[in-house]
Amino acid sequence: MSAGMSVASAKGQIFEALLGFLPDWVQVAVIALVLLAVVASWVVKLRRKLAYRRAVREGRPIHAAAQYGQGRGADYLGSYAPPRGQQQGGGAGHLGAYAPQPGPRDGSA
């Protein structure tokens, strides 16, 4: 790749190299399928966003994992998620039985 070539141009060159040996009708079909996939992903994203807005406007309860742009890791754990009421401490509190036990301090450190 030359120093003056942009990244988009390099990606275009790679795409042309991959499709260059195929017949024209296959190239057109592949490009059409890629465009169809992009448009379909936009449509699905737009439908989800609209469904979320309708639910909010109508006052329907929304599952935490289904909130648009609000999903968190613990929302997807299901029965494996920690209880919500449990206070999460930091440090050695998470170690349980493996936490260091307080012992006699003899001051000879």
N, C-alpha and C. Protein backbone atom coordinates (compact mmCIF):
# COMPACT_ATOMS: atom_id res chain seq x y z
N MET A 1 0.85 -1.17 0.00
CA MET A 1 0.00 0.00 0.00
C MET A 1 0.89 1.23 0.00
N SER A 2 0.63 2.16 -0.90
CA SER A 2 1.45 3.37 -0.99
C SER A 2 1.08 4.33 0.13
N ALA A 3 1.96 5.26 0.40
CA ALA A 3 1.77 6.18 1.51
C ALA A 3 0.61 7.14 1.26
N GLY A 4 0.30 7.43 -0.01
CA GLY A 4 -0.75 8.37 -0.31
C GLY A 4 -2.14 7.76 -0.40
N MET A 5 -2.25 6.44 -0.24
CA MET A 5 -3.54 5.76 -0.39
C MET A 5 -4.30 5.77 0.93
N SER A 6 -5.58 6.13 0.87
CA SER A 6 -6.38 6.16 2.09
C SER A 6 -6.83 4.75 2.45
N VAL A 7 -7.33 4.60 3.69
CA VAL A 7 -7.79 3.29 4.16
C VAL A 7 -9.00 2.84 3.36
N ALA A 8 -9.91 3.76 3.04
CA ALA A 8 -11.10 3.42 2.26
C ALA A 8 -10.70 2.91 0.89
N SER A 9 -9.68 3.51 0.31
CA SER A 9 -9.21 3.06 -1.00
C SER A 9 -8.60 1.66 -0.90
N ALA A 10 -7.88 1.41 0.19
CA ALA A 10 -7.28 0.09 0.38
C ALA A 10 -8.36 -0.97 0.54
N LYS A 11 -9.43 -0.64 1.29
CA LYS A 11 -10.53 -1.57 1.44
C LYS A 11 -11.20 -1.83 0.10
N GLY A 12 -11.32 -0.80 -0.70
CA GLY A 12 -11.91 -0.96 -2.03
C GLY A 12 -11.06 -1.86 -2.91
N GLN A 13 -9.75 -1.70 -2.80
CA GLN A 13 -8.84 -2.55 -3.58
C GLN A 13 -8.96 -4.01 -3.16
N ILE A 14 -9.08 -4.26 -1.86
CA ILE A 14 -9.23 -5.64 -1.37
C ILE A 14 -10.54 -6.22 -1.86
N PHE A 15 -11.62 -5.42 -1.80
CA PHE A 15 -12.92 -5.88 -2.26
C PHE A 15 -12.89 -6.20 -3.74
N GLU A 16 -12.24 -5.33 -4.54
CA GLU A 16 -12.13 -5.59 -5.97
C GLU A 16 -11.29 -6.83 -6.25
N ALA A 17 -10.25 -7.05 -5.47
CA ALA A 17 -9.40 -8.22 -5.69
C ALA A 17 -10.17 -9.51 -5.39
N LEU A 18 -11.03 -9.48 -4.35
CA LEU A 18 -11.79 -10.67 -4.01
C LEU A 18 -12.85 -10.98 -5.06
N LEU A 19 -13.48 -9.94 -5.60
CA LEU A 19 -14.56 -10.16 -6.57
C LEU A 19 -14.08 -10.10 -8.02
N GLY A 20 -12.87 -9.66 -8.24
CA GLY A 20 -12.38 -9.44 -9.60
C GLY A 20 -12.34 -10.68 -10.47
N PHE A 21 -12.11 -11.83 -9.91
CA PHE A 21 -12.00 -13.05 -10.71
C PHE A 21 -13.36 -13.68 -11.00
N LEU A 22 -14.43 -13.16 -10.40
CA LEU A 22 -15.77 -13.72 -10.60
C LEU A 22 -16.44 -13.08 -11.81
N PRO A 23 -17.40 -13.78 -12.41
CA PRO A 23 -18.16 -13.17 -13.52
C PRO A 23 -18.95 -11.95 -13.05
N ASP A 24 -19.30 -11.09 -13.99
CA ASP A 24 -20.00 -9.85 -13.65
C ASP A 24 -21.30 -10.09 -12.91
N TRP A 25 -22.08 -11.09 -13.33
CA TRP A 25 -23.38 -11.33 -12.70
C TRP A 25 -23.22 -11.76 -11.25
N VAL A 26 -22.14 -12.45 -10.91
CA VAL A 26 -21.89 -12.85 -9.52
C VAL A 26 -21.46 -11.63 -8.71
N GLN A 27 -20.65 -10.77 -9.31
CA GLN A 27 -20.23 -9.55 -8.62
C GLN A 27 -21.44 -8.69 -8.27
N VAL A 28 -22.35 -8.53 -9.22
CA VAL A 28 -23.54 -7.73 -8.99
C VAL A 28 -24.40 -8.36 -7.90
N ALA A 29 -24.53 -9.69 -7.92
CA ALA A 29 -25.33 -10.38 -6.91
C ALA A 29 -24.72 -10.21 -5.52
N VAL A 30 -23.41 -10.32 -5.41
CA VAL A 30 -22.74 -10.18 -4.11
C VAL A 30 -22.92 -8.76 -3.58
N ILE A 31 -22.73 -7.77 -4.43
CA ILE A 31 -22.90 -6.38 -4.00
C ILE A 31 -24.34 -6.13 -3.59
N ALA A 32 -25.30 -6.69 -4.34
CA ALA A 32 -26.71 -6.52 -3.99
C ALA A 32 -27.02 -7.18 -2.65
N LEU A 33 -26.45 -8.34 -2.38
CA LEU A 33 -26.68 -9.00 -1.09
C LEU A 33 -26.08 -8.21 0.07
N VAL A 34 -24.92 -7.63 -0.13
CA VAL A 34 -24.31 -6.81 0.91
C VAL A 34 -25.18 -5.59 1.20
N LEU A 35 -25.64 -4.92 0.15
CA LEU A 35 -26.52 -3.76 0.33
C LEU A 35 -27.83 -4.16 1.00
N LEU A 36 -28.38 -5.31 0.62
CA LEU A 36 -29.62 -5.79 1.24
C LEU A 36 -29.42 -6.05 2.73
N ALA A 37 -28.27 -6.63 3.09
CA ALA A 37 -27.99 -6.89 4.51
C ALA A 37 -27.88 -5.59 5.30
N VAL A 38 -27.24 -4.58 4.73
CA VAL A 38 -27.10 -3.29 5.41
C VAL A 38 -28.47 -2.64 5.60
N VAL A 39 -29.27 -2.62 4.54
CA VAL A 39 -30.60 -2.01 4.63
C VAL A 39 -31.48 -2.78 5.62
N ALA A 40 -31.40 -4.11 5.60
CA ALA A 40 -32.20 -4.92 6.53
C ALA A 40 -31.81 -4.64 7.97
N SER A 41 -30.52 -4.47 8.24
CA SER A 41 -30.10 -4.17 9.61
C SER A 41 -30.63 -2.81 10.05
N TRP A 42 -30.65 -1.83 9.13
CA TRP A 42 -31.21 -0.52 9.46
C TRP A 42 -32.70 -0.63 9.76
N VAL A 43 -33.41 -1.43 8.97
CA VAL A 43 -34.85 -1.59 9.16
C VAL A 43 -35.14 -2.23 10.51
N VAL A 44 -34.40 -3.28 10.87
CA VAL A 44 -34.61 -3.96 12.15
C VAL A 44 -34.33 -3.01 13.31
N LYS A 45 -33.24 -2.24 13.20
CA LYS A 45 -32.90 -1.29 14.27
C LYS A 45 -33.99 -0.22 14.40
N LEU A 46 -34.50 0.27 13.27
CA LEU A 46 -35.55 1.29 13.30
C LEU A 46 -36.84 0.73 13.89
N ARG A 47 -37.20 -0.51 13.54
CA ARG A 47 -38.42 -1.12 14.09
C ARG A 47 -38.32 -1.29 15.59
N ARG A 48 -37.15 -1.72 16.09
CA ARG A 48 -36.97 -1.88 17.54
C ARG A 48 -37.07 -0.54 18.26
N LYS A 49 -36.48 0.48 17.65
CA LYS A 49 -36.52 1.81 18.27
C LYS A 49 -37.96 2.33 18.31
N LEU A 50 -38.71 2.13 17.23
CA LEU A 50 -40.10 2.57 17.21
C LEU A 50 -40.95 1.79 18.21
N ALA A 51 -40.73 0.48 18.31
CA ALA A 51 -41.48 -0.32 19.28
C ALA A 51 -41.18 0.13 20.71
N TYR A 52 -39.94 0.47 20.99
CA TYR A 52 -39.58 0.96 22.31
C TYR A 52 -40.28 2.28 22.60
N ARG A 53 -40.28 3.20 21.63
CA ARG A 53 -40.92 4.49 21.84
C ARG A 53 -42.42 4.34 22.05
N ARG A 54 -43.05 3.43 21.30
CA ARG A 54 -44.49 3.20 21.48
C ARG A 54 -44.77 2.66 22.88
N ALA A 55 -43.94 1.73 23.34
CA ALA A 55 -44.14 1.15 24.67
C ALA A 55 -44.00 2.21 25.75
N VAL A 56 -43.02 3.08 25.60
CA VAL A 56 -42.82 4.15 26.58
C VAL A 56 -44.02 5.10 26.56
N ARG A 57 -44.47 5.48 25.37
CA ARG A 57 -45.58 6.42 25.24
C ARG A 57 -46.87 5.85 25.81
N GLU A 58 -47.09 4.53 25.63
CA GLU A 58 -48.31 3.89 26.12
C GLU A 58 -48.21 3.50 27.59
N GLY A 59 -47.05 3.63 28.18
CA GLY A 59 -46.89 3.32 29.59
C GLY A 59 -46.76 1.84 29.89
N ARG A 60 -46.47 1.05 28.88
CA ARG A 60 -46.30 -0.39 29.12
C ARG A 60 -44.95 -0.63 29.81
N PRO A 61 -44.91 -1.62 30.71
CA PRO A 61 -43.62 -1.92 31.35
C PRO A 61 -42.65 -2.50 30.33
N ILE A 62 -41.40 -2.14 30.48
CA ILE A 62 -40.37 -2.58 29.56
C ILE A 62 -39.33 -3.34 30.35
N HIS A 63 -38.98 -4.53 29.87
CA HIS A 63 -37.94 -5.32 30.51
C HIS A 63 -36.62 -4.55 30.41
N ALA A 64 -35.82 -4.63 31.45
CA ALA A 64 -34.58 -3.86 31.50
C ALA A 64 -33.67 -4.16 30.32
N ALA A 65 -33.62 -5.41 29.88
CA ALA A 65 -32.76 -5.76 28.76
C ALA A 65 -33.33 -5.27 27.44
N ALA A 66 -34.63 -4.97 27.39
CA ALA A 66 -35.25 -4.54 26.16
C ALA A 66 -35.25 -3.03 26.00
N GLN A 67 -34.83 -2.30 27.00
CA GLN A 67 -34.83 -0.85 26.89
C GLN A 67 -33.81 -0.44 25.84
N TYR A 68 -34.21 0.46 24.99
CA TYR A 68 -33.37 0.87 23.87
C TYR A 68 -32.09 1.53 24.38
N GLY A 69 -30.97 0.91 24.10
CA GLY A 69 -29.69 1.47 24.48
C GLY A 69 -29.37 1.39 25.96
N GLN A 70 -30.14 0.63 26.73
CA GLN A 70 -29.94 0.60 28.17
C GLN A 70 -29.53 -0.77 28.69
N GLY A 71 -29.26 -1.73 27.83
CA GLY A 71 -28.92 -3.07 28.29
C GLY A 71 -27.61 -3.11 29.05
N ARG A 72 -27.55 -3.95 30.09
CA ARG A 72 -26.32 -4.14 30.85
C ARG A 72 -26.03 -5.63 30.89
N GLY A 73 -24.84 -5.98 31.26
CA GLY A 73 -24.46 -7.39 31.30
C GLY A 73 -25.32 -8.21 32.23
N ALA A 74 -25.62 -7.70 33.43
CA ALA A 74 -26.39 -8.46 34.41
C ALA A 74 -27.83 -8.68 33.95
N ASP A 75 -28.32 -7.85 33.02
CA ASP A 75 -29.69 -8.01 32.54
C ASP A 75 -29.86 -9.29 31.72
N TYR A 76 -28.79 -9.81 31.18
CA TYR A 76 -28.86 -10.96 30.31
C TYR A 76 -28.51 -12.27 31.03
N LEU A 77 -28.21 -12.20 32.32
CA LEU A 77 -27.78 -13.38 33.06
C LEU A 77 -28.94 -14.25 33.52
N GLY A 78 -30.12 -13.70 33.58
CA GLY A 78 -31.30 -14.46 33.99
C GLY A 78 -31.19 -14.94 35.42
N SER A 79 -31.36 -16.24 35.64
CA SER A 79 -31.32 -16.78 36.99
C SER A 79 -29.92 -16.78 37.58
N TYR A 80 -28.91 -16.55 36.74
CA TYR A 80 -27.53 -16.54 37.23
C TYR A 80 -27.11 -15.17 37.75
N ALA A 81 -27.95 -14.16 37.59
CA ALA A 81 -27.61 -12.82 38.04
C ALA A 81 -27.66 -12.75 39.57
N PRO A 82 -26.81 -11.92 40.17
CA PRO A 82 -26.85 -11.77 41.63
C PRO A 82 -28.16 -11.10 42.03
N PRO A 83 -28.64 -11.37 43.24
CA PRO A 83 -29.87 -10.72 43.70
C PRO A 83 -29.72 -9.21 43.71
N ARG A 84 -30.78 -8.49 43.32
CA ARG A 84 -30.70 -7.04 43.23
C ARG A 84 -30.62 -6.37 44.59
N GLY A 85 -31.21 -6.96 45.62
CA GLY A 85 -31.21 -6.35 46.93
C GLY A 85 -29.90 -6.47 47.65
N GLN A 86 -29.04 -7.32 47.19
CA GLN A 86 -27.77 -7.59 47.86
C GLN A 86 -26.83 -6.40 47.67
N GLN A 87 -26.26 -5.93 48.77
CA GLN A 87 -25.33 -4.82 48.71
C GLN A 87 -23.98 -5.34 48.25
N GLN A 88 -23.45 -4.76 47.21
CA GLN A 88 -22.16 -5.19 46.67
C GLN A 88 -21.05 -4.40 47.35
N GLY A 89 -20.19 -5.08 48.04
CA GLY A 89 -19.04 -4.43 48.66
C GLY A 89 -17.84 -4.53 47.74
N GLY A 90 -16.79 -3.87 48.09
CA GLY A 90 -15.60 -3.91 47.26
C GLY A 90 -14.49 -4.69 47.92
N GLY A 91 -13.45 -4.90 47.19
CA GLY A 91 -12.25 -5.52 47.73
C GLY A 91 -12.43 -6.96 48.15
N ALA A 92 -11.98 -7.29 49.38
CA ALA A 92 -11.98 -8.67 49.85
C ALA A 92 -13.39 -9.18 50.15
N GLY A 93 -14.39 -8.33 50.14
CA GLY A 93 -15.75 -8.77 50.40
C GLY A 93 -16.25 -9.77 49.37
N HIS A 94 -15.70 -9.75 48.18
CA HIS A 94 -16.11 -10.66 47.12
C HIS A 94 -15.38 -12.01 47.20
N LEU A 95 -14.37 -12.10 48.02
CA LEU A 95 -13.57 -13.32 48.07
C LEU A 95 -14.21 -14.42 48.90
N GLY A 96 -15.14 -14.08 49.75
CA GLY A 96 -15.82 -15.09 50.56
C GLY A 96 -14.86 -15.82 51.48
N ALA A 97 -14.85 -17.16 51.38
CA ALA A 97 -13.99 -17.98 52.24
C ALA A 97 -12.51 -17.80 51.91
N TYR A 98 -12.21 -17.24 50.74
CA TYR A 98 -10.82 -17.07 50.34
C TYR A 98 -10.23 -15.74 50.81
N ALA A 99 -11.02 -14.92 51.46
CA ALA A 99 -10.53 -13.64 51.96
C ALA A 99 -9.54 -13.87 53.08
N PRO A 100 -8.53 -13.03 53.19
CA PRO A 100 -7.56 -13.18 54.30
C PRO A 100 -8.25 -12.98 55.64
N GLN A 101 -7.95 -13.87 56.56
CA GLN A 101 -8.55 -13.81 57.88
C GLN A 101 -7.71 -12.93 58.78
N PRO A 102 -8.36 -12.13 59.62
CA PRO A 102 -7.58 -11.30 60.55
C PRO A 102 -6.86 -12.21 61.56
N GLY A 103 -5.60 -11.98 61.68
CA GLY A 103 -4.81 -12.81 62.59
C GLY A 103 -4.10 -11.96 63.62
N PRO A 104 -3.30 -12.61 64.47
CA PRO A 104 -2.55 -11.84 65.47
C PRO A 104 -1.49 -10.98 64.80
N ARG A 105 -1.36 -9.79 65.28
CA ARG A 105 -0.36 -8.88 64.72
C ARG A 105 0.79 -8.79 65.73
N ASP A 106 1.93 -9.26 65.31
CA ASP A 106 3.06 -9.26 66.25
C ASP A 106 4.00 -8.09 66.01
N GLY A 107 3.76 -7.30 64.96
CA GLY A 107 4.56 -6.11 64.76
C GLY A 107 5.95 -6.38 64.26
N SER A 108 6.29 -7.59 63.86
CA SER A 108 7.65 -7.90 63.39
C SER A 108 7.68 -7.93 61.86
N ALA A 109 7.19 -6.90 61.25
CA ALA A 109 7.14 -6.89 59.79
C ALA A 109 8.38 -6.37 59.20
